[in-house]
Amino acid sequence: MPFVTKENYDKLKMGMEYSEVSALPGNPDTCTETMGTKSCIWGKEDKNITVNFLADKTVVFSNKGIK
């Protein structure tokens, strides 16, 4: 099952750990780390979910093209 679905997006909550998010179906397509923050993207340019982590906790998440 792909990660980039409305159902999976609706499961995301502030404060979730990276391991909790990555336990949802599918691995991130890209992750970058800078100065204690991690930004991971699941999906393609036209349809994706982006999750930003600070100290391994979700602080911001957004989506593009999910209805």
N, C-alpha and C. Protein backbone atom coordinates (compact mmCIF):
# COMPACT_ATOMS: atom_id res chain seq x y z
N MET A 1 0.84 -1.18 0.00
CA MET A 1 0.00 0.00 0.00
C MET A 1 0.88 1.25 0.00
N PRO A 2 0.61 2.19 -0.86
CA PRO A 2 1.44 3.40 -0.90
C PRO A 2 1.19 4.30 0.31
N PHE A 3 2.18 5.07 0.66
CA PHE A 3 2.09 5.99 1.79
C PHE A 3 1.24 7.20 1.45
N VAL A 4 1.32 7.68 0.22
CA VAL A 4 0.69 8.95 -0.16
C VAL A 4 -0.81 8.77 -0.39
N THR A 5 -1.54 8.71 0.73
CA THR A 5 -3.00 8.60 0.69
C THR A 5 -3.58 9.56 1.74
N LYS A 6 -4.82 9.94 1.55
CA LYS A 6 -5.49 10.80 2.52
C LYS A 6 -5.58 10.10 3.88
N GLU A 7 -5.81 8.79 3.85
CA GLU A 7 -5.91 8.03 5.09
C GLU A 7 -4.62 8.11 5.91
N ASN A 8 -3.47 7.93 5.25
CA ASN A 8 -2.20 8.02 5.97
C ASN A 8 -1.93 9.46 6.41
N TYR A 9 -2.24 10.44 5.56
CA TYR A 9 -2.03 11.84 5.94
C TYR A 9 -2.84 12.19 7.18
N ASP A 10 -4.07 11.70 7.24
CA ASP A 10 -4.94 11.97 8.38
C ASP A 10 -4.43 11.33 9.67
N LYS A 11 -3.57 10.33 9.57
CA LYS A 11 -3.00 9.67 10.76
C LYS A 11 -1.85 10.47 11.36
N LEU A 12 -1.26 11.38 10.60
CA LEU A 12 -0.12 12.16 11.09
C LEU A 12 -0.56 13.12 12.19
N LYS A 13 0.25 13.20 13.24
CA LYS A 13 -0.02 14.09 14.37
C LYS A 13 1.27 14.78 14.78
N MET A 14 1.14 15.99 15.29
CA MET A 14 2.29 16.70 15.82
C MET A 14 2.91 15.88 16.95
N GLY A 15 4.22 15.82 17.01
CA GLY A 15 4.92 15.11 18.07
C GLY A 15 5.19 13.64 17.80
N MET A 16 4.66 13.11 16.67
CA MET A 16 4.96 11.71 16.34
C MET A 16 6.45 11.56 16.09
N GLU A 17 7.01 10.45 16.53
CA GLU A 17 8.42 10.18 16.28
C GLU A 17 8.60 9.68 14.84
N TYR A 18 9.83 9.83 14.33
CA TYR A 18 10.14 9.37 12.98
C TYR A 18 9.78 7.89 12.82
N SER A 19 10.08 7.08 13.85
CA SER A 19 9.80 5.65 13.75
C SER A 19 8.30 5.38 13.63
N GLU A 20 7.46 6.21 14.25
CA GLU A 20 6.01 6.04 14.14
C GLU A 20 5.52 6.38 12.73
N VAL A 21 6.06 7.46 12.18
CA VAL A 21 5.67 7.87 10.83
C VAL A 21 6.16 6.84 9.82
N SER A 22 7.40 6.41 9.95
CA SER A 22 7.95 5.46 8.98
C SER A 22 7.33 4.07 9.13
N ALA A 23 6.61 3.81 10.24
CA ALA A 23 5.92 2.54 10.40
C ALA A 23 4.66 2.47 9.52
N LEU A 24 4.17 3.62 9.08
CA LEU A 24 3.05 3.64 8.13
C LEU A 24 3.58 3.05 6.82
N PRO A 25 2.72 2.50 5.95
CA PRO A 25 3.20 1.83 4.74
C PRO A 25 4.06 2.73 3.84
N GLY A 26 5.18 2.21 3.43
CA GLY A 26 6.03 2.90 2.47
C GLY A 26 7.17 3.68 3.10
N ASN A 27 8.32 3.63 2.47
CA ASN A 27 9.50 4.37 2.92
C ASN A 27 9.54 5.72 2.24
N PRO A 28 10.16 6.73 2.88
CA PRO A 28 10.26 8.04 2.24
C PRO A 28 11.09 7.94 0.97
N ASP A 29 10.74 8.77 -0.01
CA ASP A 29 11.51 8.82 -1.25
C ASP A 29 12.80 9.61 -1.07
N THR A 30 12.75 10.64 -0.21
CA THR A 30 13.96 11.40 0.10
C THR A 30 13.88 11.92 1.53
N CYS A 31 15.04 12.01 2.15
CA CYS A 31 15.17 12.65 3.47
C CYS A 31 16.45 13.47 3.45
N THR A 32 16.37 14.66 4.02
CA THR A 32 17.56 15.48 4.19
C THR A 32 17.65 15.87 5.65
N GLU A 33 18.88 15.97 6.15
CA GLU A 33 19.11 16.35 7.54
C GLU A 33 20.03 17.55 7.60
N THR A 34 19.63 18.54 8.42
CA THR A 34 20.42 19.75 8.59
C THR A 34 20.26 20.25 10.02
N MET A 35 21.34 20.38 10.73
CA MET A 35 21.37 21.00 12.05
C MET A 35 20.26 20.48 12.98
N GLY A 36 20.14 19.18 13.11
CA GLY A 36 19.18 18.59 14.03
C GLY A 36 17.76 18.47 13.52
N THR A 37 17.54 18.86 12.27
CA THR A 37 16.21 18.70 11.68
C THR A 37 16.28 17.71 10.54
N LYS A 38 15.16 17.03 10.30
CA LYS A 38 15.08 16.08 9.20
C LYS A 38 13.80 16.40 8.43
N SER A 39 13.90 16.44 7.11
CA SER A 39 12.74 16.65 6.25
C SER A 39 12.64 15.46 5.30
N CYS A 40 11.47 14.78 5.32
CA CYS A 40 11.28 13.61 4.48
C CYS A 40 10.08 13.82 3.57
N ILE A 41 10.22 13.34 2.35
CA ILE A 41 9.16 13.47 1.36
C ILE A 41 8.81 12.08 0.85
N TRP A 42 7.51 11.79 0.85
CA TRP A 42 6.96 10.57 0.27
C TRP A 42 6.21 11.00 -0.98
N GLY A 43 6.47 10.38 -2.11
CA GLY A 43 5.73 10.67 -3.32
C GLY A 43 6.52 11.45 -4.35
N LYS A 44 5.78 11.98 -5.32
CA LYS A 44 6.37 12.70 -6.46
C LYS A 44 6.06 14.19 -6.34
N GLU A 45 6.54 14.96 -7.30
CA GLU A 45 6.37 16.41 -7.26
C GLU A 45 4.90 16.84 -7.26
N ASP A 46 4.05 16.13 -8.01
CA ASP A 46 2.65 16.53 -8.12
C ASP A 46 1.76 15.96 -7.02
N LYS A 47 2.21 14.94 -6.30
CA LYS A 47 1.43 14.33 -5.23
C LYS A 47 2.40 13.81 -4.18
N ASN A 48 2.43 14.46 -3.01
CA ASN A 48 3.38 14.05 -2.00
C ASN A 48 2.93 14.43 -0.59
N ILE A 49 3.62 13.85 0.37
CA ILE A 49 3.49 14.21 1.77
C ILE A 49 4.89 14.55 2.25
N THR A 50 5.01 15.71 2.90
CA THR A 50 6.27 16.15 3.47
C THR A 50 6.13 16.22 4.98
N VAL A 51 7.09 15.64 5.69
CA VAL A 51 7.08 15.67 7.15
C VAL A 51 8.43 16.19 7.62
N ASN A 52 8.39 17.20 8.49
CA ASN A 52 9.60 17.77 9.07
C ASN A 52 9.69 17.37 10.53
N PHE A 53 10.88 16.92 10.92
CA PHE A 53 11.14 16.46 12.28
C PHE A 53 12.19 17.33 12.94
N LEU A 54 12.00 17.60 14.22
CA LEU A 54 12.98 18.28 15.04
C LEU A 54 13.20 17.39 16.26
N ALA A 55 14.44 17.01 16.50
CA ALA A 55 14.76 16.08 17.60
C ALA A 55 13.90 14.83 17.50
N ASP A 56 13.74 14.32 16.27
CA ASP A 56 13.02 13.08 15.98
C ASP A 56 11.51 13.15 16.22
N LYS A 57 10.97 14.35 16.38
CA LYS A 57 9.52 14.53 16.58
C LYS A 57 8.94 15.35 15.43
N THR A 58 7.74 14.98 14.98
CA THR A 58 7.07 15.71 13.91
C THR A 58 6.71 17.11 14.39
N VAL A 59 7.15 18.13 13.63
CA VAL A 59 6.81 19.51 13.97
C VAL A 59 5.96 20.17 12.89
N VAL A 60 6.10 19.72 11.65
CA VAL A 60 5.32 20.26 10.54
C VAL A 60 5.09 19.15 9.54
N PHE A 61 3.88 19.09 8.99
CA PHE A 61 3.62 18.17 7.89
C PHE A 61 2.64 18.82 6.93
N SER A 62 2.80 18.48 5.66
CA SER A 62 1.93 19.07 4.62
C SER A 62 1.78 18.07 3.48
N ASN A 63 0.85 18.38 2.58
CA ASN A 63 0.67 17.51 1.43
C ASN A 63 0.41 18.35 0.20
N LYS A 64 0.60 17.72 -0.94
CA LYS A 64 0.33 18.35 -2.22
C LYS A 64 -0.39 17.32 -3.09
N GLY A 65 -1.55 17.67 -3.62
CA GLY A 65 -2.27 16.80 -4.54
C GLY A 65 -3.08 15.70 -3.93
N ILE A 66 -3.26 15.71 -2.60
CA ILE A 66 -4.05 14.67 -1.94
C ILE A 66 -5.44 15.23 -1.65
N LYS A 67 -6.46 14.47 -2.05
CA LYS A 67 -7.83 14.95 -1.82
C LYS A 67 -8.60 14.00 -0.95
